[in-house]
Amino acid sequence: MKIKKEAKGGVILTVREELEEKEKRELSEKATLSVNSKGRAFPEEPCTLRTCFMRDRDRIIHCKAFRRLKHKTQVFLSPEGDHYRTRLTHTLEVAQIGRTVARALSLNEDLTEAAALGHDLGHTPFGHAGERALAEMSGHFLHNEQSLRVVDKLEKDGRGLNLTFEVRDGILKHTGKDAETPEGRIVYYADHIAYMNHDIDDAVRAGVLKVSDIPENVRRVLGNTHSERINALVSDAVKYGRETGNIGFSPEVGAAADELHAFLFNAVYKNPVAKSEEIKGVDILKFLYTYYVKDLDRLPPDFRAQLDLFGAETVVCDYISGMTDRYAVKVFESITVPKSWSR
C-alpha cells in the first residue's frame, strides 16, 4: 500500500518523494541528492517510504556479511575481554562519525551512513594480517575491492544487493580520498578517526600502550583522552569543510593525525604483544588457501558453482575472506586435528 500525502497544488507525494523534496530544500549544493543518483545496475521500482540511499543502508544492515563482522578481528586477535573492538563495532563507530560530519556539513547523511556500514564487508578473518595472507597467496587481494564484490556478487546467493552507484563508489574508495561524492570522501576520514582512536583505547586496555607514550605534539593538538581526540578531529573536519567546501582536516590537525598514525603503526600495529597470535592466524589462512586450491571439490557446493564464472583463486578467496575468525579456526581444526573414534 502506498503512503501518500497531499502537497500544495493538489500533488500527491509518497513519503520518499517528501524526503527527496526535503533534501532539495535543506542540503548543501555540494550534497549528493537521492533523486540525482546514477542508479543501480538493475533498475528497480522506487520504494514509497525510503530514498534510494536509505534503502541501500537497510540492505547492508540486513545482509549476512554484515552480521559476520561481529566475529572478525579489528586489531587484537581473540582478546580476552568483552570491551575490545571487533570489525562490527568499528563499522558502527565509522558510521556514527560519518553521520555527524555529513549532518554538520549539510551533506547526504543516508549516503554517508550506507557507505560506512558497507566499507568493511569484505574484510578477512584475523584483520589486516589475514588480508596480507590472501594477497600473498592469490597474488592480489584488497579488502575494499572484496567489500564491493560482496555487495555486487556474493550476497543473496550470488545475486548481490544491487546498490546504487554512489554507495558502491564510497565502499570501494574508502581507503583513499578519491570517492566521487563528498559523502564517500567523508567515509575515508571517519574510518581513520574511528580506528586510530579506538585502537589507542584497546591498546591501553591491553597494557601495550600508555597515553603518555603518544607524541607530545599529538597530545597538544588533539588532546589526551579518547573523547578529546575524537572531538578535535571531528570538529576540525566540520570547521575545515565549512570554511573551504572540501572534505578533510586543517593543515595542523592533519599533520597531527598523520603523526599519530605513524606512531600507532610502530607502537601498536607492529607491537609483538598485540600481534603475538597473528602469525598463527596467517598460517591458518595460508593453509586453507592451499588446501582448497589443490582440491576444489572440498569447497562448499555454492562456491563450487561459481568456479566457471570466476576461477579457482577468486572463489577460494571469496570463501576464506567471508569466514569469521572462529569459523576459520574451526575449519582448520576439522582438517588437521584427528577426530575421536566412535561407534
Protein backbone atom coordinates (compact mmCIF):
# COMPACT_ATOMS: atom_id res chain seq x y z
CA MET A 1 0.00 0.00 0.00
CA LYS A 2 1.38 3.40 -0.96
CA ILE A 3 1.54 6.01 1.74
CA LYS A 4 0.89 9.41 0.22
CA LYS A 5 0.34 12.94 1.37
CA GLU A 6 -1.31 15.79 -0.50
CA ALA A 7 1.07 18.66 -1.16
CA LYS A 8 0.46 22.19 -2.36
CA GLY A 9 -1.42 22.37 -5.64
CA GLY A 10 -3.07 19.03 -5.08
CA VAL A 11 0.06 16.99 -6.00
CA ILE A 12 0.18 13.66 -4.18
CA LEU A 13 3.61 12.74 -2.80
CA THR A 14 4.84 9.47 -1.35
CA VAL A 15 6.91 9.60 1.83
CA ARG A 16 10.01 9.00 -0.28
CA GLU A 17 9.16 11.92 -2.52
CA GLU A 18 8.63 14.12 0.53
CA LEU A 19 12.09 13.14 1.77
CA GLU A 20 13.59 13.88 -1.62
CA GLU A 21 11.97 17.31 -1.63
CA LYS A 22 13.31 17.90 1.87
CA GLU A 23 16.83 17.07 0.65
CA LYS A 24 16.46 19.67 -2.11
CA ARG A 25 15.42 22.31 0.41
CA GLU A 26 17.85 21.60 3.21
CA LEU A 27 21.06 20.05 1.88
CA SER A 28 24.09 21.88 0.57
CA GLU A 29 24.52 22.47 -3.14
CA LYS A 30 27.53 20.13 -2.85
CA ALA A 31 25.41 17.31 -1.42
CA THR A 32 24.52 14.22 -3.42
CA LEU A 33 20.75 14.26 -3.73
CA SER A 34 18.91 10.96 -3.82
CA VAL A 35 16.97 11.99 -6.92
CA ASN A 36 20.26 12.59 -8.73
CA SER A 37 21.67 9.12 -8.07
CA LYS A 38 23.22 7.43 -11.07
CA GLY A 39 21.05 4.47 -10.16
CA ARG A 40 21.53 0.72 -9.91
CA ALA A 41 22.93 -1.87 -12.28
CA PHE A 42 19.47 -3.43 -12.39
CA PRO A 43 16.66 -0.83 -12.29
CA GLU A 44 14.04 -1.27 -9.58
CA GLU A 45 10.72 0.27 -8.69
CA PRO A 46 11.44 3.02 -6.11
CA CYS A 47 10.38 2.43 -2.51
CA THR A 48 7.46 4.55 -1.34
CA LEU A 49 8.95 5.09 2.13
CA ARG A 50 12.72 5.33 1.66
CA THR A 51 15.12 7.17 -0.60
CA CYS A 52 17.50 5.01 -2.65
CA PHE A 53 20.35 5.59 -0.18
CA MET A 54 18.18 4.73 2.82
CA ARG A 55 17.22 1.54 1.03
CA ASP A 56 20.89 0.68 0.45
CA ARG A 57 21.67 1.26 4.12
CA ASP A 58 18.92 -1.16 5.13
CA ARG A 59 20.06 -3.81 2.67
CA ILE A 60 23.57 -3.68 4.08
CA ILE A 61 22.41 -3.91 7.70
CA HIS A 62 20.29 -6.96 6.92
CA CYS A 63 22.87 -8.86 4.86
CA LYS A 64 24.77 -11.87 6.15
CA ALA A 65 28.22 -10.35 5.64
CA PHE A 66 27.30 -7.50 8.00
CA ARG A 67 26.34 -9.93 10.76
CA ARG A 68 29.61 -11.82 10.39
CA LEU A 69 31.60 -8.69 11.23
CA LYS A 70 30.88 -9.23 14.93
CA HIS A 71 33.24 -12.20 14.94
CA LYS A 72 36.05 -10.68 12.89
CA THR A 73 39.21 -9.18 14.38
CA GLN A 74 39.80 -5.45 14.36
CA VAL A 75 43.32 -5.28 15.84
CA PHE A 76 43.55 -7.64 18.80
CA LEU A 77 43.15 -11.28 17.79
CA SER A 78 40.78 -13.25 20.05
CA PRO A 79 41.18 -10.89 23.01
CA GLU A 80 40.17 -11.99 26.49
CA GLY A 81 37.63 -9.37 27.40
CA ASP A 82 34.26 -8.08 26.27
CA HIS A 83 35.22 -4.49 25.52
CA TYR A 84 37.70 -4.80 22.67
CA ARG A 85 36.53 -3.65 19.26
CA THR A 86 35.51 -6.07 16.57
CA ARG A 87 35.11 -5.31 12.90
CA LEU A 88 31.40 -4.71 13.57
CA THR A 89 31.82 -2.21 16.39
CA HIS A 90 34.45 -0.44 14.32
CA THR A 91 31.98 -0.18 11.45
CA LEU A 92 29.32 1.29 13.72
CA GLU A 93 31.77 3.90 15.02
CA VAL A 94 32.71 4.88 11.46
CA ALA A 95 29.03 5.26 10.57
CA GLN A 96 28.37 7.41 13.63
CA ILE A 97 31.31 9.72 12.95
CA GLY A 98 30.42 9.91 9.28
CA ARG A 99 26.82 10.86 10.03
CA THR A 100 27.94 13.60 12.40
CA VAL A 101 30.24 15.19 9.83
CA ALA A 102 27.74 14.83 6.97
CA ARG A 103 24.93 16.39 9.01
CA ALA A 104 27.08 19.30 10.11
CA LEU A 105 28.11 20.00 6.50
CA SER A 106 24.54 19.62 5.19
CA LEU A 107 25.56 16.66 3.05
CA ASN A 108 23.61 13.44 2.49
CA GLU A 109 23.69 11.60 5.78
CA ASP A 110 21.98 8.49 4.40
CA LEU A 111 24.55 8.04 1.65
CA THR A 112 27.40 8.54 4.11
CA GLU A 113 25.92 6.01 6.53
CA ALA A 114 25.30 3.38 3.85
CA ALA A 115 28.86 3.57 2.51
CA ALA A 116 30.28 3.49 6.04
CA LEU A 117 28.25 0.44 7.03
CA GLY A 118 29.40 -1.42 3.92
CA HIS A 119 33.04 -0.39 3.82
CA ASP A 120 34.50 -3.45 5.59
CA LEU A 121 32.09 -6.20 4.48
CA GLY A 122 34.89 -7.90 2.54
CA HIS A 123 37.43 -7.91 5.33
CA THR A 124 39.16 -11.19 6.08
CA PRO A 125 39.35 -13.01 9.39
CA PHE A 126 42.35 -12.00 11.55
CA GLY A 127 42.32 -8.35 10.47
CA HIS A 128 44.82 -6.86 8.06
CA ALA A 129 47.16 -9.79 8.66
CA GLY A 130 44.55 -12.01 7.03
CA GLU A 131 44.26 -9.57 4.15
CA ARG A 132 48.01 -9.70 3.58
CA ALA A 133 47.97 -13.50 3.74
CA LEU A 134 45.37 -13.83 1.00
CA ALA A 135 47.15 -11.20 -1.09
CA GLU A 136 50.39 -13.16 -0.82
CA MET A 137 48.76 -16.47 -1.70
CA SER A 138 46.49 -15.31 -4.52
CA GLY A 139 48.67 -12.57 -5.98
CA HIS A 140 46.08 -9.85 -5.38
CA PHE A 141 43.58 -9.22 -2.62
CA LEU A 142 42.35 -5.91 -1.18
CA HIS A 143 39.58 -5.75 1.37
CA ASN A 144 37.93 -2.69 -0.18
CA GLU A 145 37.65 -4.45 -3.53
CA GLN A 146 36.32 -7.52 -1.78
CA SER A 147 33.73 -5.40 0.05
CA LEU A 148 32.41 -4.25 -3.31
CA ARG A 149 32.47 -7.83 -4.56
CA VAL A 150 30.41 -8.90 -1.55
CA VAL A 151 27.62 -6.42 -2.26
CA ASP A 152 27.79 -6.95 -6.04
CA LYS A 153 28.31 -10.68 -6.45
CA LEU A 154 28.23 -12.70 -3.23
CA GLU A 155 25.27 -11.63 -1.15
CA LYS A 156 21.80 -13.10 -1.72
CA ASP A 157 23.13 -16.32 -3.23
CA GLY A 158 25.12 -14.55 -5.89
CA ARG A 159 22.51 -12.01 -6.90
CA GLY A 160 24.11 -9.20 -4.89
CA LEU A 161 22.41 -6.29 -3.18
CA ASN A 162 22.09 -4.14 -6.32
CA LEU A 163 23.22 -0.99 -4.53
CA THR A 164 23.36 2.47 -6.05
CA PHE A 165 26.46 3.67 -7.85
CA GLU A 166 27.25 6.25 -5.15
CA VAL A 167 27.19 3.77 -2.25
CA ARG A 168 29.27 1.27 -4.20
CA ASP A 169 31.77 4.00 -5.02
CA GLY A 170 32.03 5.01 -1.36
CA ILE A 171 32.65 1.39 -0.34
CA LEU A 172 35.31 0.79 -2.98
CA LYS A 173 37.19 4.04 -2.43
CA HIS A 174 37.11 4.28 1.36
CA THR A 175 40.83 3.51 1.51
CA GLY A 176 41.66 6.67 -0.46
CA LYS A 177 40.49 10.24 -0.89
CA ASP A 178 39.14 9.97 -4.43
CA ALA A 179 35.49 8.96 -3.98
CA GLU A 180 33.25 10.71 -6.49
CA THR A 181 30.95 12.14 -3.83
CA PRO A 182 31.77 14.29 -0.78
CA GLU A 183 29.86 11.74 1.30
CA GLY A 184 32.15 8.97 0.08
CA ARG A 185 35.18 11.07 0.98
CA ILE A 186 33.81 11.58 4.48
CA VAL A 187 33.92 7.80 4.99
CA TYR A 188 37.70 7.81 4.42
CA TYR A 189 38.22 10.35 7.20
CA ALA A 190 35.62 8.81 9.50
CA ASP A 191 37.38 5.45 9.15
CA HIS A 192 40.71 6.99 10.17
CA ILE A 193 39.21 8.93 13.07
CA ALA A 194 37.49 5.80 14.37
CA TYR A 195 40.26 3.25 14.10
CA MET A 196 43.11 5.46 15.34
CA ASN A 197 41.21 6.38 18.47
CA HIS A 198 39.65 3.04 19.30
CA ASP A 199 42.96 1.31 18.63
CA ILE A 200 44.56 3.57 21.26
CA ASP A 201 41.73 2.70 23.64
CA ASP A 202 42.13 -1.04 23.05
CA ALA A 203 45.93 -0.87 23.26
CA VAL A 204 45.76 0.93 26.61
CA ARG A 205 43.25 -1.64 27.85
CA ALA A 206 45.61 -4.42 26.72
CA GLY A 207 48.56 -2.84 28.51
CA VAL A 208 50.66 -2.41 25.38
CA LEU A 209 50.42 1.38 25.38
CA LYS A 210 50.16 4.28 27.80
CA VAL A 211 48.56 7.58 26.82
CA SER A 212 51.78 9.29 27.86
CA ASP A 213 53.56 7.33 25.09
CA ILE A 214 51.67 9.30 22.46
CA PRO A 215 53.89 12.04 20.98
CA GLU A 216 53.62 15.32 22.86
CA ASN A 217 52.71 17.32 19.76
CA VAL A 218 49.81 14.96 19.01
CA ARG A 219 48.51 15.31 22.56
CA ARG A 220 48.86 19.07 22.39
CA VAL A 221 46.84 19.35 19.17
CA LEU A 222 44.32 16.52 19.64
CA GLY A 223 44.06 16.11 23.40
CA ASN A 224 44.85 13.48 25.99
CA THR A 225 41.63 11.48 26.22
CA HIS A 226 39.62 9.36 23.79
CA SER A 227 36.76 11.84 23.68
CA GLU A 228 39.08 14.85 23.35
CA ARG A 229 40.84 13.35 20.34
CA ILE A 230 37.65 12.36 18.54
CA ASN A 231 36.07 15.72 19.25
CA ALA A 232 39.16 17.55 17.99
CA LEU A 233 39.28 15.57 14.74
CA VAL A 234 35.54 15.68 14.03
CA SER A 235 35.26 19.37 14.94
CA ASP A 236 38.21 20.21 12.72
CA ALA A 237 36.75 18.24 9.79
CA VAL A 238 33.49 20.17 10.16
CA LYS A 239 35.23 23.54 10.51
CA TYR A 240 37.51 22.84 7.56
CA GLY A 241 34.59 21.68 5.44
CA ARG A 242 32.52 24.74 6.20
CA GLU A 243 35.38 27.15 5.55
CA THR A 244 36.77 25.57 2.39
CA GLY A 245 33.94 23.49 0.97
CA ASN A 246 36.27 20.48 0.92
CA ILE A 247 36.42 17.27 2.93
CA GLY A 248 39.50 16.88 5.13
CA PHE A 249 41.46 18.37 8.01
CA SER A 250 43.20 21.69 8.52
CA PRO A 251 47.00 21.55 7.99
CA GLU A 252 47.81 21.49 11.72
CA VAL A 253 45.29 18.81 12.66
CA GLY A 254 46.05 16.81 9.52
CA ALA A 255 49.74 16.77 10.40
CA ALA A 256 48.94 15.64 13.95
CA ALA A 257 46.68 12.87 12.61
CA ASP A 258 49.47 11.69 10.29
CA GLU A 259 51.94 11.72 13.18
CA LEU A 260 49.53 9.74 15.32
CA HIS A 261 49.02 7.14 12.59
CA ALA A 262 52.78 6.71 12.13
CA PHE A 263 53.19 6.32 15.89
CA LEU A 264 50.42 3.70 16.11
CA PHE A 265 51.90 1.74 13.23
CA ASN A 266 55.05 1.06 15.23
CA ALA A 267 53.67 1.11 18.77
CA VAL A 268 50.51 -0.96 18.21
CA TYR A 269 50.13 -2.47 14.75
CA LYS A 270 53.66 -3.94 14.81
CA ASN A 271 53.77 -4.46 18.59
CA PRO A 272 54.90 -8.05 19.35
CA VAL A 273 52.46 -8.31 22.27
CA ALA A 274 49.46 -7.13 20.25
CA LYS A 275 50.49 -9.31 17.32
CA SER A 276 51.62 -12.35 19.31
CA GLU A 277 48.92 -14.62 17.89
CA GLU A 278 48.74 -13.02 14.47
CA ILE A 279 51.22 -15.35 12.81
CA LYS A 280 49.00 -18.29 13.73
CA GLY A 281 46.04 -16.68 12.03
CA VAL A 282 48.16 -16.00 8.95
CA ASP A 283 49.33 -19.62 8.86
CA ILE A 284 45.73 -20.83 9.12
CA LEU A 285 44.59 -18.78 6.15
CA LYS A 286 47.58 -19.78 4.04
CA PHE A 287 46.95 -23.43 4.86
CA LEU A 288 43.26 -23.14 3.98
CA TYR A 289 44.02 -21.37 0.71
CA THR A 290 46.46 -24.08 -0.38
CA TYR A 291 44.14 -26.83 0.80
CA TYR A 292 41.16 -25.63 -1.25
CA VAL A 293 43.09 -24.59 -4.36
CA LYS A 294 44.63 -28.07 -4.54
CA ASP A 295 41.25 -29.78 -4.26
CA LEU A 296 38.37 -27.57 -5.34
CA ASP A 297 35.85 -30.34 -4.70
CA ARG A 298 36.33 -29.63 -0.99
CA LEU A 299 34.71 -26.22 -1.35
CA PRO A 300 31.06 -25.91 -0.29
CA PRO A 301 28.63 -26.55 -3.19
CA ASP A 302 27.54 -22.92 -3.59
CA PHE A 303 31.16 -21.84 -4.04
CA ARG A 304 31.97 -24.72 -6.42
CA ALA A 305 29.11 -23.49 -8.57
CA GLN A 306 30.98 -20.19 -9.07
CA LEU A 307 34.24 -21.70 -10.31
CA ASP A 308 33.47 -21.50 -14.02
CA LEU A 309 32.45 -17.86 -13.67
CA PHE A 310 35.28 -16.51 -11.54
CA GLY A 311 38.12 -19.03 -11.39
CA ALA A 312 39.67 -21.00 -8.57
CA GLU A 313 41.78 -18.30 -6.89
CA THR A 314 38.93 -15.80 -6.72
CA VAL A 315 36.38 -18.29 -5.44
CA VAL A 316 38.74 -19.64 -2.77
CA CYS A 317 39.41 -16.07 -1.63
CA ASP A 318 35.65 -15.45 -1.57
CA TYR A 319 35.15 -18.43 0.73
CA ILE A 320 38.05 -17.75 3.08
CA SER A 321 37.62 -13.98 3.33
CA GLY A 322 33.98 -14.48 4.27
CA MET A 323 34.90 -16.63 7.26
CA THR A 324 34.82 -15.29 10.80
CA ASP A 325 37.90 -15.81 12.95
CA ARG A 326 36.33 -18.65 14.90
CA TYR A 327 34.95 -20.35 11.79
CA ALA A 328 38.37 -20.28 10.12
CA VAL A 329 39.84 -21.92 13.23
CA LYS A 330 37.03 -24.48 13.28
CA VAL A 331 37.55 -25.41 9.62
CA PHE A 332 41.31 -25.61 10.12
CA GLU A 333 40.88 -27.91 13.12
CA SER A 334 38.39 -30.10 11.29
CA ILE A 335 41.00 -30.68 8.60
CA THR A 336 44.13 -31.06 10.74
CA VAL A 337 43.06 -32.39 14.15
CA PRO A 338 42.33 -36.13 14.37
CA LYS A 339 38.77 -36.94 15.37
CA SER A 340 38.00 -39.26 18.24
CA TRP A 341 36.85 -42.72 17.16
CA SER A 342 33.25 -43.51 17.95
CA ARG A 343 30.91 -46.37 17.02
